Amino acid sequence: MPRERILVTVKTYPTLSQKYGELVCTAGIREDGSWVRLYPIPFRRLQEEERYQKYDWIEAGLVKSRSDPRPETYRLLDSTDIQKTGHVDTQHNWRERRRLLLRSDNVYNRLKPLMEGAKANSLSLAVFKPAEIVDFTWKQCDRQWNSKKLDAMRVQVAQSKLFSDEWRGTFLLIPKLPYEFSYKFIDASGRKSEMQVLDWECGQLYWNCLKKAENNESAALTAMKAKYFDEFVKKDLHFFLGTIRQFHGFSPNPWVIIGVFPAPYDKQLALY
C-alpha cells in the first residue's frame, strides 16, 4: 500500500471513546488539495517523534475506513508509523498556507452546497469563508467526562495490548472542557448560522486563559472572546468545517467548526 503525504490542518480537542479510549480527529489536505480525515488516532499515545503539529507534512500508509461512510475518512495502516517530513510556516503573511488551502475551487462561502453534499455523502470536510462574523459565544456543559466512557477507557487501558506499560504509568486524562464554544455568522447568501468550535487550540486557550486569570472563569472567557472575536474578525478568517459522523447524511446541519484559519490579509494579493 503506497504512503500518502498529508498537510495536517485540523486537530480536534480529545474525546473519549468506549472502543478506542482517548481519540483526536485529525484532518488535512493532500498536495492536490483534496481532504483526508484520519480516524481513529490515539494521538497522546504516540511517541514524541510521531506527534505532529498543525501544518506539519506527514507521511503514512492509509486505507479507506470501512466503519465510517464519510468519503474523506481513512485509517492508518499502522498507528505507530507516522513520519513528519516538513512544516509550512507563516512567512510572508501565510503565503504558502494560503496557496495550499485557499484555492478558489476549494473554498465555500454558502452553506447550502455543504448541506447538500453531506446529505448526498459526497462531502464531509471543507474550507468555508463566512461573509460576516456576528459573535463568539459559549454555554456551560458537563464538567466531567461521561462515566460510562470513562469506565470503558479504564478497562481498555488495563486490558489492551495497545497501551504500553510506559504509557500507562505516565498518562493523565485530559480535562473535560466545562464550556462549549461557538461562532455565530452569516454566509454569502445571508443565511444565519451558529456552529460549535471543536478545535484543540480553542480548548487549550481556555485552560491557558483560566490559569492566567487565576481560575476566574469569567475573566478567562472574556480573554477568549478577545482572541476569537475581537482579534480574529480583523483577519482574513476562514473555517475548516467537518460533519459529525452520527448526524452526517440526515441532519439539517451536521457541520461543526473543527479548525480556524485566521490568516492576516495579504496586501500584495489585494493589488490583483
C-alpha atoms as a PDB file:
ATOM      1  CA  MET A   1       0.000   0.000   0.000  1.00  0.00           C
ATOM      2  CA  PRO A   2       1.620   3.331  -1.040  1.00  0.00           C
ATOM      3  CA  ARG A   3       2.216   6.000   1.585  1.00  0.00           C
ATOM      4  CA  GLU A   4       0.408   9.326   1.314  1.00  0.00           C
ATOM      5  CA  ARG A   5       1.635  12.814   2.144  1.00  0.00           C
ATOM      6  CA  ILE A   6      -0.796  14.954   4.151  1.00  0.00           C
ATOM      7  CA  LEU A   7      -0.599  18.528   5.417  1.00  0.00           C
ATOM      8  CA  VAL A   8      -2.224  18.495   8.873  1.00  0.00           C
ATOM      9  CA  THR A   9      -4.618  21.424   9.307  1.00  0.00           C
ATOM     10  CA  VAL A  10      -7.005  20.142  11.984  1.00  0.00           C
ATOM     11  CA  LYS A  11      -6.638  18.532  15.403  1.00  0.00           C
ATOM     12  CA  THR A  12      -9.796  18.428  17.500  1.00  0.00           C
ATOM     13  CA  TYR A  13      -9.874  18.511  21.287  1.00  0.00           C
ATOM     14  CA  PRO A  14      -9.520  14.936  22.582  1.00  0.00           C
ATOM     15  CA  THR A  15     -12.692  12.980  23.273  1.00  0.00           C
ATOM     16  CA  LEU A  16     -13.332   9.674  24.992  1.00  0.00           C
ATOM     17  CA  SER A  17     -14.300   6.593  23.037  1.00  0.00           C
ATOM     18  CA  GLN A  18     -15.666   3.410  24.572  1.00  0.00           C
ATOM     19  CA  LYS A  19     -13.931   1.436  21.825  1.00  0.00           C
ATOM     20  CA  TYR A  20     -10.617   3.235  21.404  1.00  0.00           C
ATOM     21  CA  GLY A  21     -10.054   5.200  24.629  1.00  0.00           C
ATOM     22  CA  GLU A  22      -8.997   8.801  24.089  1.00  0.00           C
ATOM     23  CA  LEU A  23      -9.094   9.983  20.491  1.00  0.00           C
ATOM     24  CA  VAL A  24      -8.226  13.009  18.367  1.00  0.00           C
ATOM     25  CA  CYS A  25      -9.770  13.649  14.959  1.00  0.00           C
ATOM     26  CA  THR A  26      -7.081  14.789  12.537  1.00  0.00           C
ATOM     27  CA  ALA A  27      -7.736  16.208   9.085  1.00  0.00           C
ATOM     28  CA  GLY A  28      -5.632  17.725   6.348  1.00  0.00           C
ATOM     29  CA  ILE A  29      -5.094  18.006   2.646  1.00  0.00           C
ATOM     30  CA  ARG A  30      -3.097  16.115   0.084  1.00  0.00           C
ATOM     31  CA  GLU A  31      -0.807  18.063  -2.240  1.00  0.00           C
ATOM     32  CA  ASP A  32      -3.615  18.239  -4.821  1.00  0.00           C
ATOM     33  CA  GLY A  33      -5.892  19.984  -2.297  1.00  0.00           C
ATOM     34  CA  SER A  34      -8.199  17.019  -1.597  1.00  0.00           C
ATOM     35  CA  TRP A  35      -9.221  16.457   2.010  1.00  0.00           C
ATOM     36  CA  VAL A  36      -8.423  13.492   4.260  1.00  0.00           C
ATOM     37  CA  ARG A  37      -9.764  12.684   7.728  1.00  0.00           C
ATOM     38  CA  LEU A  38      -7.593  10.365   9.812  1.00  0.00           C
ATOM     39  CA  TYR A  39      -9.607   8.490  12.398  1.00  0.00           C
ATOM     40  CA  PRO A  40      -9.136   6.976  14.859  1.00  0.00           C
ATOM     41  CA  ILE A  41      -5.747   8.299  16.022  1.00  0.00           C
ATOM     42  CA  PRO A  42      -4.625   7.779  19.646  1.00  0.00           C
ATOM     43  CA  PHE A  43      -2.585  10.990  19.442  1.00  0.00           C
ATOM     44  CA  ARG A  44      -1.370  11.215  23.013  1.00  0.00           C
ATOM     45  CA  ARG A  45      -0.216   7.579  22.905  1.00  0.00           C
ATOM     46  CA  LEU A  46       2.125   8.302  20.013  1.00  0.00           C
ATOM     47  CA  GLN A  47       5.842   8.572  20.604  1.00  0.00           C
ATOM     48  CA  GLU A  48       7.212  12.114  20.784  1.00  0.00           C
ATOM     49  CA  GLU A  49       8.810  11.875  17.340  1.00  0.00           C
ATOM     50  CA  GLU A  50       5.461  10.803  15.865  1.00  0.00           C
ATOM     51  CA  ARG A  51       3.390  13.629  17.387  1.00  0.00           C
ATOM     52  CA  TYR A  52       2.584  16.006  14.589  1.00  0.00           C
ATOM     53  CA  GLN A  53       1.603  19.669  14.887  1.00  0.00           C
ATOM     54  CA  LYS A  54      -0.789  21.659  12.736  1.00  0.00           C
ATOM     55  CA  TYR A  55       0.754  22.496   9.362  1.00  0.00           C
ATOM     56  CA  ASP A  56       3.221  19.635   9.567  1.00  0.00           C
ATOM     57  CA  TRP A  57       3.569  17.460   6.488  1.00  0.00           C
ATOM     58  CA  ILE A  58       3.243  13.807   7.482  1.00  0.00           C
ATOM     59  CA  GLU A  59       3.587  10.564   5.569  1.00  0.00           C
ATOM     60  CA  ALA A  60       1.719   7.396   6.462  1.00  0.00           C
ATOM     61  CA  GLY A  61       0.088   4.355   4.929  1.00  0.00           C
ATOM     62  CA  LEU A  62      -3.673   4.915   4.675  1.00  0.00           C
ATOM     63  CA  VAL A  63      -6.671   2.774   3.863  1.00  0.00           C
ATOM     64  CA  LYS A  64     -10.290   3.835   3.404  1.00  0.00           C
ATOM     65  CA  SER A  65     -12.298   3.400   6.566  1.00  0.00           C
ATOM     66  CA  ARG A  66     -14.896   0.626   6.474  1.00  0.00           C
ATOM     67  CA  SER A  67     -16.643   1.742   9.660  1.00  0.00           C
ATOM     68  CA  ASP A  68     -17.048   5.419   8.701  1.00  0.00           C
ATOM     69  CA  PRO A  69     -19.020   6.033   5.492  1.00  0.00           C
ATOM     70  CA  ARG A  70     -17.914   9.648   5.054  1.00  0.00           C
ATOM     71  CA  PRO A  71     -15.926   9.888   1.808  1.00  0.00           C
ATOM     72  CA  GLU A  72     -12.779  11.530   3.220  1.00  0.00           C
ATOM     73  CA  THR A  73     -12.294   9.234   6.225  1.00  0.00           C
ATOM     74  CA  TYR A  74      -9.250   6.966   6.242  1.00  0.00           C
ATOM     75  CA  ARG A  75      -7.477   4.983   8.923  1.00  0.00           C
ATOM     76  CA  LEU A  76      -3.787   4.390   9.434  1.00  0.00           C
ATOM     77  CA  LEU A  77      -2.425   1.026   8.397  1.00  0.00           C
ATOM     78  CA  ASP A  78      -0.111   1.318  11.404  1.00  0.00           C
ATOM     79  CA  SER A  79      -0.887   3.926  14.072  1.00  0.00           C
ATOM     80  CA  THR A  80       2.762   3.947  15.144  1.00  0.00           C
ATOM     81  CA  ASP A  81       4.099   4.587  11.646  1.00  0.00           C
ATOM     82  CA  ILE A  82       3.710   8.332  11.109  1.00  0.00           C
ATOM     83  CA  GLN A  83       6.658  10.229   9.683  1.00  0.00           C
ATOM     84  CA  LYS A  84       6.923  14.012   9.863  1.00  0.00           C
ATOM     85  CA  THR A  85       8.517  15.335   6.672  1.00  0.00           C
ATOM     86  CA  GLY A  86       8.258  19.126   6.897  1.00  0.00           C
ATOM     87  CA  HIS A  87       6.372  22.151   8.179  1.00  0.00           C
ATOM     88  CA  VAL A  88       4.603  25.064   6.476  1.00  0.00           C
ATOM     89  CA  ASP A  89       5.351  28.259   8.396  1.00  0.00           C
ATOM     90  CA  THR A  90       3.695  31.698   8.474  1.00  0.00           C
ATOM     91  CA  GLN A  91       6.268  33.625   6.461  1.00  0.00           C
ATOM     92  CA  HIS A  92       5.102  36.337   4.041  1.00  0.00           C
ATOM     93  CA  ASN A  93       1.614  36.687   5.576  1.00  0.00           C
ATOM     94  CA  TRP A  94       0.951  32.943   5.497  1.00  0.00           C
ATOM     95  CA  ARG A  95       1.659  32.886   1.745  1.00  0.00           C
ATOM     96  CA  GLU A  96       2.335  29.143   1.427  1.00  0.00           C
ATOM     97  CA  ARG A  97      -0.552  28.158   3.689  1.00  0.00           C
ATOM     98  CA  ARG A  98      -2.849  30.334   1.607  1.00  0.00           C
ATOM     99  CA  ARG A  99      -1.601  28.791  -1.625  1.00  0.00           C
ATOM    100  CA  LEU A 100      -2.288  25.299  -0.374  1.00  0.00           C
ATOM    101  CA  LEU A 101      -5.604  25.872   1.395  1.00  0.00           C
ATOM    102  CA  LEU A 102      -7.415  28.822  -0.157  1.00  0.00           C
ATOM    103  CA  ARG A 103      -7.675  27.688  -3.754  1.00  0.00           C
ATOM    104  CA  SER A 104     -10.628  29.317  -5.465  1.00  0.00           C
ATOM    105  CA  ASP A 105     -12.252  25.957  -6.245  1.00  0.00           C
ATOM    106  CA  ASN A 106     -11.736  24.730  -2.694  1.00  0.00           C
ATOM    107  CA  VAL A 107     -13.411  27.472  -0.610  1.00  0.00           C
ATOM    108  CA  TYR A 108     -17.166  27.646   0.046  1.00  0.00           C
ATOM    109  CA  ASN A 109     -18.966  30.852   1.001  1.00  0.00           C
ATOM    110  CA  ARG A 110     -22.526  29.472   1.142  1.00  0.00           C
ATOM    111  CA  LEU A 111     -23.811  26.744   3.431  1.00  0.00           C
ATOM    112  CA  LYS A 112     -26.402  25.270   1.069  1.00  0.00           C
ATOM    113  CA  PRO A 113     -23.966  23.230  -1.081  1.00  0.00           C
ATOM    114  CA  LEU A 114     -22.342  21.931   2.103  1.00  0.00           C
ATOM    115  CA  MET A 115     -25.684  20.708   3.442  1.00  0.00           C
ATOM    116  CA  GLU A 116     -26.472  19.104   0.088  1.00  0.00           C
ATOM    117  CA  GLY A 117     -23.039  17.485  -0.097  1.00  0.00           C
ATOM    118  CA  ALA A 118     -23.368  15.973   3.363  1.00  0.00           C
ATOM    119  CA  LYS A 119     -26.841  14.645   2.590  1.00  0.00           C
ATOM    120  CA  ALA A 120     -25.564  13.033  -0.607  1.00  0.00           C
ATOM    121  CA  ASN A 121     -22.491  11.706   1.237  1.00  0.00           C
ATOM    122  CA  SER A 122     -20.194  13.406  -1.238  1.00  0.00           C
ATOM    123  CA  LEU A 123     -18.673  15.882   1.225  1.00  0.00           C
ATOM    124  CA  SER A 124     -17.770  15.940   4.919  1.00  0.00           C
ATOM    125  CA  LEU A 125     -14.773  18.322   5.075  1.00  0.00           C
ATOM    126  CA  ALA A 126     -14.460  21.813   3.635  1.00  0.00           C
ATOM    127  CA  VAL A 127     -12.926  25.286   3.852  1.00  0.00           C
ATOM    128  CA  PHE A 128     -15.560  27.942   4.472  1.00  0.00           C
ATOM    129  CA  LYS A 129     -15.375  31.742   4.292  1.00  0.00           C
ATOM    130  CA  PRO A 130     -18.100  33.497   6.356  1.00  0.00           C
ATOM    131  CA  ALA A 131     -19.418  36.788   4.967  1.00  0.00           C
ATOM    132  CA  GLU A 132     -19.777  38.219   8.467  1.00  0.00           C
ATOM    133  CA  ILE A 133     -18.844  37.083  11.960  1.00  0.00           C
ATOM    134  CA  VAL A 134     -21.678  38.014  14.307  1.00  0.00           C
ATOM    135  CA  ASP A 135     -20.418  36.711  17.654  1.00  0.00           C
ATOM    136  CA  PHE A 136     -18.291  34.215  19.545  1.00  0.00           C
ATOM    137  CA  THR A 137     -20.302  32.588  22.329  1.00  0.00           C
ATOM    138  CA  TRP A 138     -20.195  29.842  24.939  1.00  0.00           C
ATOM    139  CA  LYS A 139     -22.516  27.829  27.120  1.00  0.00           C
ATOM    140  CA  GLN A 140     -21.890  25.621  30.119  1.00  0.00           C
ATOM    141  CA  CYS A 141     -21.859  21.855  29.680  1.00  0.00           C
ATOM    142  CA  ASP A 142     -20.977  18.828  31.800  1.00  0.00           C
ATOM    143  CA  ARG A 143     -17.772  19.399  33.710  1.00  0.00           C
ATOM    144  CA  GLN A 144     -16.891  15.714  33.958  1.00  0.00           C
ATOM    145  CA  TRP A 145     -16.422  13.079  31.300  1.00  0.00           C
ATOM    146  CA  ASN A 146     -19.244  10.624  30.689  1.00  0.00           C
ATOM    147  CA  SER A 147     -18.838   7.972  33.383  1.00  0.00           C
ATOM    148  CA  LYS A 148     -19.606   5.050  31.038  1.00  0.00           C
ATOM    149  CA  LYS A 149     -16.980   6.162  28.525  1.00  0.00           C
ATOM    150  CA  LEU A 150     -14.506   6.806  31.324  1.00  0.00           C
ATOM    151  CA  ASP A 151     -15.037   3.339  32.783  1.00  0.00           C
ATOM    152  CA  ALA A 152     -14.704   1.789  29.325  1.00  0.00           C
ATOM    153  CA  MET A 153     -11.445   3.637  28.772  1.00  0.00           C
ATOM    154  CA  ARG A 154     -10.077   2.395  32.096  1.00  0.00           C
ATOM    155  CA  VAL A 155     -10.897  -1.154  31.074  1.00  0.00           C
ATOM    156  CA  GLN A 156      -9.155  -0.581  27.750  1.00  0.00           C
ATOM    157  CA  VAL A 157      -6.061   0.769  29.497  1.00  0.00           C
ATOM    158  CA  ALA A 158      -5.992  -2.156  31.909  1.00  0.00           C
ATOM    159  CA  GLN A 159      -6.507  -4.897  29.331  1.00  0.00           C
ATOM    160  CA  SER A 160      -5.423  -3.774  25.893  1.00  0.00           C
ATOM    161  CA  LYS A 161      -2.062  -4.614  24.421  1.00  0.00           C
ATOM    162  CA  LEU A 162      -2.280  -1.308  22.542  1.00  0.00           C
ATOM    163  CA  PHE A 163      -1.299   0.525  25.737  1.00  0.00           C
ATOM    164  CA  SER A 164       2.339   0.189  26.737  1.00  0.00           C
ATOM    165  CA  ASP A 165       3.414  -0.063  30.387  1.00  0.00           C
ATOM    166  CA  GLU A 166       5.294   3.229  29.998  1.00  0.00           C
ATOM    167  CA  TRP A 167       2.182   4.978  28.662  1.00  0.00           C
ATOM    168  CA  ARG A 168       0.016   3.559  31.466  1.00  0.00           C
ATOM    169  CA  GLY A 169       2.426   4.962  34.047  1.00  0.00           C
ATOM    170  CA  THR A 170       2.623   8.481  32.676  1.00  0.00           C
ATOM    171  CA  PHE A 171      -0.766   9.118  31.089  1.00  0.00           C
ATOM    172  CA  LEU A 172      -3.070  11.769  32.568  1.00  0.00           C
ATOM    173  CA  LEU A 173      -6.651  12.108  31.363  1.00  0.00           C
ATOM    174  CA  ILE A 174      -7.102  15.423  29.584  1.00  0.00           C
ATOM    175  CA  PRO A 175      -9.537  17.680  31.491  1.00  0.00           C
ATOM    176  CA  LYS A 176     -13.105  17.983  30.231  1.00  0.00           C
ATOM    177  CA  LEU A 177     -13.961  21.441  28.923  1.00  0.00           C
ATOM    178  CA  PRO A 178     -16.776  22.947  31.030  1.00  0.00           C
ATOM    179  CA  TYR A 179     -17.984  25.121  28.139  1.00  0.00           C
ATOM    180  CA  GLU A 180     -18.990  24.629  24.514  1.00  0.00           C
ATOM    181  CA  PHE A 181     -17.723  27.427  22.258  1.00  0.00           C
ATOM    182  CA  SER A 182     -19.459  28.552  19.064  1.00  0.00           C
ATOM    183  CA  TYR A 183     -19.349  31.115  16.282  1.00  0.00           C
ATOM    184  CA  LYS A 184     -22.445  32.902  15.029  1.00  0.00           C
ATOM    185  CA  PHE A 185     -22.016  34.037  11.430  1.00  0.00           C
ATOM    186  CA  ILE A 186     -23.710  34.870   8.148  1.00  0.00           C
ATOM    187  CA  ASP A 187     -22.850  33.287   4.806  1.00  0.00           C
ATOM    188  CA  ALA A 188     -22.739  34.933   1.388  1.00  0.00           C
ATOM    189  CA  SER A 189     -26.441  34.232   0.781  1.00  0.00           C
ATOM    190  CA  GLY A 190     -27.479  35.937   4.040  1.00  0.00           C
ATOM    191  CA  ARG A 191     -28.093  32.683   5.891  1.00  0.00           C
ATOM    192  CA  LYS A 192     -27.503  32.975   9.648  1.00  0.00           C
ATOM    193  CA  SER A 193     -25.921  30.044  11.479  1.00  0.00           C
ATOM    194  CA  GLU A 194     -24.280  29.005  14.701  1.00  0.00           C
ATOM    195  CA  MET A 195     -21.624  26.279  14.805  1.00  0.00           C
ATOM    196  CA  GLN A 196     -19.689  24.764  17.655  1.00  0.00           C
ATOM    197  CA  VAL A 197     -15.874  25.057  17.626  1.00  0.00           C
ATOM    198  CA  LEU A 198     -14.109  21.757  18.372  1.00  0.00           C
ATOM    199  CA  ASP A 199     -10.541  22.858  17.618  1.00  0.00           C
ATOM    200  CA  TRP A 200      -7.935  21.670  20.132  1.00  0.00           C
ATOM    201  CA  GLU A 201      -6.354  25.141  20.119  1.00  0.00           C
ATOM    202  CA  CYS A 202      -9.646  26.671  21.263  1.00  0.00           C
ATOM    203  CA  GLY A 203      -9.887  24.263  24.186  1.00  0.00           C
ATOM    204  CA  GLN A 204      -6.262  24.748  25.146  1.00  0.00           C
ATOM    205  CA  LEU A 205      -6.659  28.516  25.016  1.00  0.00           C
ATOM    206  CA  TYR A 206      -9.413  28.255  27.614  1.00  0.00           C
ATOM    207  CA  TRP A 207      -7.115  26.435  30.033  1.00  0.00           C
ATOM    208  CA  ASN A 208      -4.279  28.905  29.379  1.00  0.00           C
ATOM    209  CA  CYS A 209      -6.599  31.881  29.950  1.00  0.00           C
ATOM    210  CA  LEU A 210      -8.014  30.268  33.096  1.00  0.00           C
ATOM    211  CA  LYS A 211      -4.527  29.794  34.528  1.00  0.00           C
ATOM    212  CA  LYS A 212      -3.532  33.362  33.686  1.00  0.00           C
ATOM    213  CA  ALA A 213      -6.771  34.638  35.276  1.00  0.00           C
ATOM    214  CA  GLU A 214      -6.053  32.626  38.443  1.00  0.00           C
ATOM    215  CA  ASN A 215      -9.099  30.383  37.906  1.00  0.00           C
ATOM    216  CA  ASN A 216     -11.508  33.254  37.323  1.00  0.00           C
ATOM    217  CA  GLU A 217     -13.726  31.692  34.649  1.00  0.00           C
ATOM    218  CA  SER A 218     -15.448  34.944  33.715  1.00  0.00           C
ATOM    219  CA  ALA A 219     -12.093  36.621  33.077  1.00  0.00           C
ATOM    220  CA  ALA A 220     -10.863  33.596  31.105  1.00  0.00           C
ATOM    221  CA  LEU A 221     -13.939  33.639  28.866  1.00  0.00           C
ATOM    222  CA  THR A 222     -13.555  37.378  28.276  1.00  0.00           C
ATOM    223  CA  ALA A 223      -9.942  36.786  27.225  1.00  0.00           C
ATOM    224  CA  MET A 224     -11.033  34.038  24.845  1.00  0.00           C
ATOM    225  CA  LYS A 225     -13.548  36.326  23.176  1.00  0.00           C
ATOM    226  CA  ALA A 226     -10.875  38.994  22.796  1.00  0.00           C
ATOM    227  CA  LYS A 227      -8.882  36.457  20.784  1.00  0.00           C
ATOM    228  CA  TYR A 228     -11.545  34.579  18.815  1.00  0.00           C
ATOM    229  CA  PHE A 229     -13.787  37.552  18.126  1.00  0.00           C
ATOM    230  CA  ASP A 230     -12.121  40.924  18.644  1.00  0.00           C
ATOM    231  CA  GLU A 231      -8.804  39.853  17.089  1.00  0.00           C
ATOM    232  CA  PHE A 232      -9.889  37.250  14.557  1.00  0.00           C
ATOM    233  CA  VAL A 233     -12.647  39.348  12.923  1.00  0.00           C
ATOM    234  CA  LYS A 234      -9.869  41.691  11.789  1.00  0.00           C
ATOM    235  CA  LYS A 235      -8.200  38.787   9.988  1.00  0.00           C
ATOM    236  CA  ASP A 236      -8.998  37.036   6.726  1.00  0.00           C
ATOM    237  CA  LEU A 237     -10.809  34.416   8.784  1.00  0.00           C
ATOM    238  CA  HIS A 238     -11.776  31.064   7.292  1.00  0.00           C
ATOM    239  CA  PHE A 239     -13.215  27.978   8.991  1.00  0.00           C
ATOM    240  CA  PHE A 240     -12.300  24.353   8.494  1.00  0.00           C
ATOM    241  CA  LEU A 241     -15.632  22.544   8.677  1.00  0.00           C
ATOM    242  CA  GLY A 242     -16.379  18.883   9.249  1.00  0.00           C
ATOM    243  CA  THR A 243     -19.524  16.840   9.756  1.00  0.00           C
ATOM    244  CA  ILE A 244     -20.370  14.920  12.922  1.00  0.00           C
ATOM    245  CA  ARG A 245     -20.481  11.265  11.952  1.00  0.00           C
ATOM    246  CA  GLN A 246     -23.680  10.432  13.860  1.00  0.00           C
ATOM    247  CA  PHE A 247     -25.537  13.275  12.101  1.00  0.00           C
ATOM    248  CA  HIS A 248     -23.906  13.002   8.679  1.00  0.00           C
ATOM    249  CA  GLY A 249     -26.323  12.347   5.842  1.00  0.00           C
ATOM    250  CA  PHE A 250     -29.624  13.197   7.518  1.00  0.00           C
ATOM    251  CA  SER A 251     -29.319  16.097   9.986  1.00  0.00           C
ATOM    252  CA  PRO A 252     -30.427  19.545   8.719  1.00  0.00           C
ATOM    253  CA  ASN A 253     -26.974  20.799   9.718  1.00  0.00           C
ATOM    254  CA  PRO A 254     -24.337  18.166  10.609  1.00  0.00           C
ATOM    255  CA  TRP A 255     -21.439  20.632  10.298  1.00  0.00           C
ATOM    256  CA  VAL A 256     -19.158  21.960  13.054  1.00  0.00           C
ATOM    257  CA  ILE A 257     -16.024  24.102  13.036  1.00  0.00           C
ATOM    258  CA  ILE A 258     -13.064  21.779  13.518  1.00  0.00           C
ATOM    259  CA  GLY A 259     -10.420  24.443  12.919  1.00  0.00           C
ATOM    260  CA  VAL A 260      -9.956  28.131  12.283  1.00  0.00           C
ATOM    261  CA  PHE A 261      -7.649  29.831   9.796  1.00  0.00           C
ATOM    262  CA  PRO A 262      -7.076  33.443  10.980  1.00  0.00           C
ATOM    263  CA  ALA A 263      -4.680  34.490   8.234  1.00  0.00           C
ATOM    264  CA  PRO A 264      -3.561  38.101   8.035  1.00  0.00           C
ATOM    265  CA  TYR A 265      -4.759  39.992   4.986  1.00  0.00           C
ATOM    266  CA  ASP A 266      -2.195  39.885   2.208  1.00  0.00           C
ATOM    267  CA  LYS A 267      -1.907  43.409   0.854  1.00  0.00           C
ATOM    268  CA  GLN A 268       0.100  42.232  -2.130  1.00  0.00           C
ATOM    269  CA  LEU A 269      -2.645  39.813  -3.176  1.00  0.00           C
ATOM    270  CA  ALA A 270      -5.220  42.570  -2.821  1.00  0.00           C
ATOM    271  CA  LEU A 271      -3.493  44.533  -5.613  1.00  0.00           C
ATOM    272  CA  TYR A 272      -4.531  41.969  -8.223  1.00  0.00           C
END
